[in-house]
Every structure is written in structure tokens, then in C-alpha cells.
Amino acid sequence: MVKYLDESLHSKDALIKEWAKLANPTDGIRRKIAVKYFAGSVPTRPSEDEAAAAWSKEGVDDAAVSLLRREYRKTSVFDHVDSKVREQLAKEGGFFPQELKCELEKSDVAPASAAASKKFLRPTVRHSF
């Protein structure tokens, strides 16, 4: 991946744009799973409006509050997990791909030129302990 980033990108703009699209999409929701464990009983979940008011009070901008509201509406909350819950989640959301794509294809590497030879990643120093 480092080789791909270092040899095929011509500017950081593509990374910045993709990160913004993944971290704060303008429509739809992010695909993620969060597991929270509580000692004793599960606290009552605040309403969407209560949660939005808390986010706004903390300075979260309107675009992010809009995303968080969409995610609130789509969130599944369980007080236990078993095979039936897992089956339900799989039916609703499917599975993440298990195929790893870690190979750099020759067509992905831009031809070497003066403009393309600029590297955006800094080499790191390896530490031995």
C-alpha cells in the first residue's frame, strides 16, 4: 500500500477527498459496528432530539449532526447477542468482503516522470529494541 501511495499519487488531494467522503458522507451513513459493554444494566438511549441537542451543545457542526441523525435512525441496538441477532444483522447488512487486495498491479503505477517522481510519504526510521 505504501508503494502504491508513494508511486501513483500526484497530490494529497485524492487522499483528502476520499477521507472526507468516508468520514463525513453528505448522504447515506457510514458502515461500522460498535460494541459497548455495560456493567449491570444498559442505560436508556437518549432520543434523537436529545442526542442532537447534546452534539450541537458540544460544537458539532450542522453537517455532522445531520449525518449523526441519519445514523441514529439506522442504528440497531441489542441488549444481548446470540446467533439469531447475528443472523438478523447478516440479513440486513451482509458481510464485509474477506478478499484482501494488497497487490500493486503494474497498471496502477504511474509512469516515472519528473512530475510523478515526487514522493508524498516520508521514510521512517526503523527502531530495534
Protein backbone atom coordinates (compact mmCIF):
# COMPACT_ATOMS: atom_id res chain seq x y z
CA MET A 1 0.00 0.00 0.00
CA VAL A 2 2.85 2.38 0.82
CA LYS A 3 4.38 1.75 -2.60
CA TYR A 4 1.02 2.42 -4.27
CA LEU A 5 0.55 5.66 -2.37
CA ASP A 6 4.12 6.75 -2.91
CA GLU A 7 4.31 5.98 -6.63
CA SER A 8 0.82 6.53 -8.02
CA LEU A 9 -0.44 9.68 -6.31
CA HIS A 10 0.37 13.03 -7.82
CA SER A 11 -1.02 15.08 -4.93
CA LYS A 12 -2.53 14.60 -1.47
CA ASP A 13 -5.86 15.94 -2.74
CA ALA A 14 -7.16 12.47 -3.68
CA LEU A 15 -6.49 11.17 -0.15
CA ILE A 16 -8.08 14.22 1.46
CA LYS A 17 -11.16 13.96 -0.75
CA GLU A 18 -11.59 10.22 -0.14
CA TRP A 19 -11.12 10.58 3.64
CA ALA A 20 -13.78 13.34 3.76
CA LYS A 21 -16.17 11.14 1.77
CA LEU A 22 -15.61 8.17 4.11
CA ALA A 23 -15.56 10.06 7.41
CA ASN A 24 -18.41 12.50 6.77
CA PRO A 25 -20.58 11.45 3.81
CA THR A 26 -23.14 14.01 2.62
CA ASP A 27 -25.77 11.31 2.12
CA GLY A 28 -26.22 7.80 3.42
CA ILE A 29 -24.41 6.55 6.50
CA ARG A 30 -21.03 5.12 7.42
CA ARG A 31 -20.75 1.33 7.64
CA LYS A 32 -19.48 0.47 11.08
CA ILE A 33 -20.08 -1.74 14.05
CA ALA A 34 -19.68 -0.56 17.63
CA VAL A 35 -19.90 -2.86 20.61
CA LYS A 36 -20.37 -1.37 24.06
CA TYR A 37 -20.29 -3.32 27.28
CA PHE A 38 -22.03 -2.08 30.42
CA ALA A 39 -21.75 -3.27 33.99
CA GLY A 40 -25.21 -4.09 35.29
CA SER A 41 -28.00 -2.75 33.09
CA VAL A 42 -27.84 -0.91 29.78
CA PRO A 43 -28.54 2.83 30.23
CA THR A 44 -31.56 4.31 28.46
CA ARG A 45 -30.73 5.57 25.00
CA PRO A 46 -31.41 9.30 24.57
CA SER A 47 -33.95 10.32 21.92
CA GLU A 48 -32.69 11.55 18.57
CA ASP A 49 -33.54 15.15 19.51
CA GLU A 50 -31.80 14.85 22.89
CA ALA A 51 -28.71 13.41 21.23
CA ALA A 52 -28.72 16.13 18.53
CA ALA A 53 -29.04 18.83 21.19
CA ALA A 54 -26.05 17.37 23.06
CA TRP A 55 -23.98 17.23 19.84
CA SER A 56 -24.84 20.84 18.98
CA LYS A 57 -24.07 21.98 22.53
CA GLU A 58 -20.59 20.43 22.14
CA GLY A 59 -19.98 22.38 18.91
CA VAL A 60 -20.53 19.63 16.35
CA ASP A 61 -21.25 21.34 13.02
CA ASP A 62 -24.62 21.05 11.29
CA ALA A 63 -23.40 18.71 8.51
CA ALA A 64 -22.04 16.25 11.08
CA VAL A 65 -25.23 16.49 13.18
CA SER A 66 -27.20 15.67 10.02
CA LEU A 67 -25.03 12.59 9.46
CA LEU A 68 -25.34 11.56 13.12
CA ARG A 69 -29.14 11.88 12.93
CA ARG A 70 -29.24 9.62 9.83
CA GLU A 71 -27.05 7.10 11.65
CA TYR A 72 -29.18 7.33 14.80
CA ARG A 73 -32.27 6.34 12.78
CA LYS A 74 -30.47 3.34 11.21
CA THR A 75 -28.75 2.10 14.38
CA SER A 76 -29.68 -1.33 15.71
CA VAL A 77 -29.44 -1.64 19.49
CA PHE A 78 -29.34 -5.04 21.21
CA ASP A 79 -29.19 -5.86 24.90
CA HIS A 80 -27.75 -9.29 24.16
CA VAL A 81 -26.02 -11.04 21.26
CA ASP A 82 -26.63 -14.56 20.04
CA SER A 83 -26.84 -16.47 16.77
CA LYS A 84 -30.29 -15.02 15.99
CA VAL A 85 -29.03 -11.46 16.33
CA ARG A 86 -26.00 -12.29 14.18
CA GLU A 87 -28.30 -13.82 11.54
CA GLN A 88 -30.51 -10.71 11.59
CA LEU A 89 -27.53 -8.39 11.14
CA ALA A 90 -26.18 -10.52 8.28
CA LYS A 91 -29.56 -10.42 6.50
CA GLU A 92 -29.85 -6.66 6.89
CA GLY A 93 -26.30 -5.64 6.12
CA GLY A 94 -24.48 -8.56 4.56
CA PHE A 95 -20.82 -9.17 5.21
CA PHE A 96 -17.67 -7.18 4.62
CA PRO A 97 -15.56 -8.71 1.82
CA GLN A 98 -12.99 -11.23 3.01
CA GLU A 99 -10.79 -10.80 -0.05
CA LEU A 100 -7.64 -8.80 0.66
CA LYS A 101 -6.38 -6.66 -2.19
CA CYS A 102 -2.81 -5.99 -1.19
CA GLU A 103 -1.03 -6.45 -4.51
CA LEU A 104 0.04 -3.47 -6.57
CA GLU A 105 -0.90 -4.02 -10.19
CA LYS A 106 1.52 -2.68 -12.77
CA SER A 107 -1.26 -0.63 -14.39
CA ASP A 108 -1.82 1.18 -11.07
CA VAL A 109 1.67 2.65 -11.02
CA ALA A 110 2.03 5.93 -12.86
CA PRO A 111 4.91 6.19 -15.32
CA ALA A 112 8.04 7.74 -13.88
CA SER A 113 8.46 11.35 -14.88
CA ALA A 114 9.75 14.49 -13.24
CA ALA A 115 6.22 15.45 -12.12
CA ALA A 116 5.33 11.94 -10.96
CA SER A 117 8.60 11.27 -9.15
CA LYS A 118 7.66 13.48 -6.19
CA LYS A 119 7.05 11.28 -3.17
CA PHE A 120 4.45 12.22 -0.57
CA LEU A 121 5.39 9.74 2.14
CA ARG A 122 8.37 10.27 4.36
CA PRO A 123 10.66 7.33 5.06
CA THR A 124 10.58 6.20 8.66
CA VAL A 125 13.44 5.17 10.86
CA ARG A 126 13.26 1.58 11.98
CA HIS A 127 13.77 1.07 15.66
CA SER A 128 15.20 -2.06 17.18
CA PHE A 129 14.56 -2.92 20.79
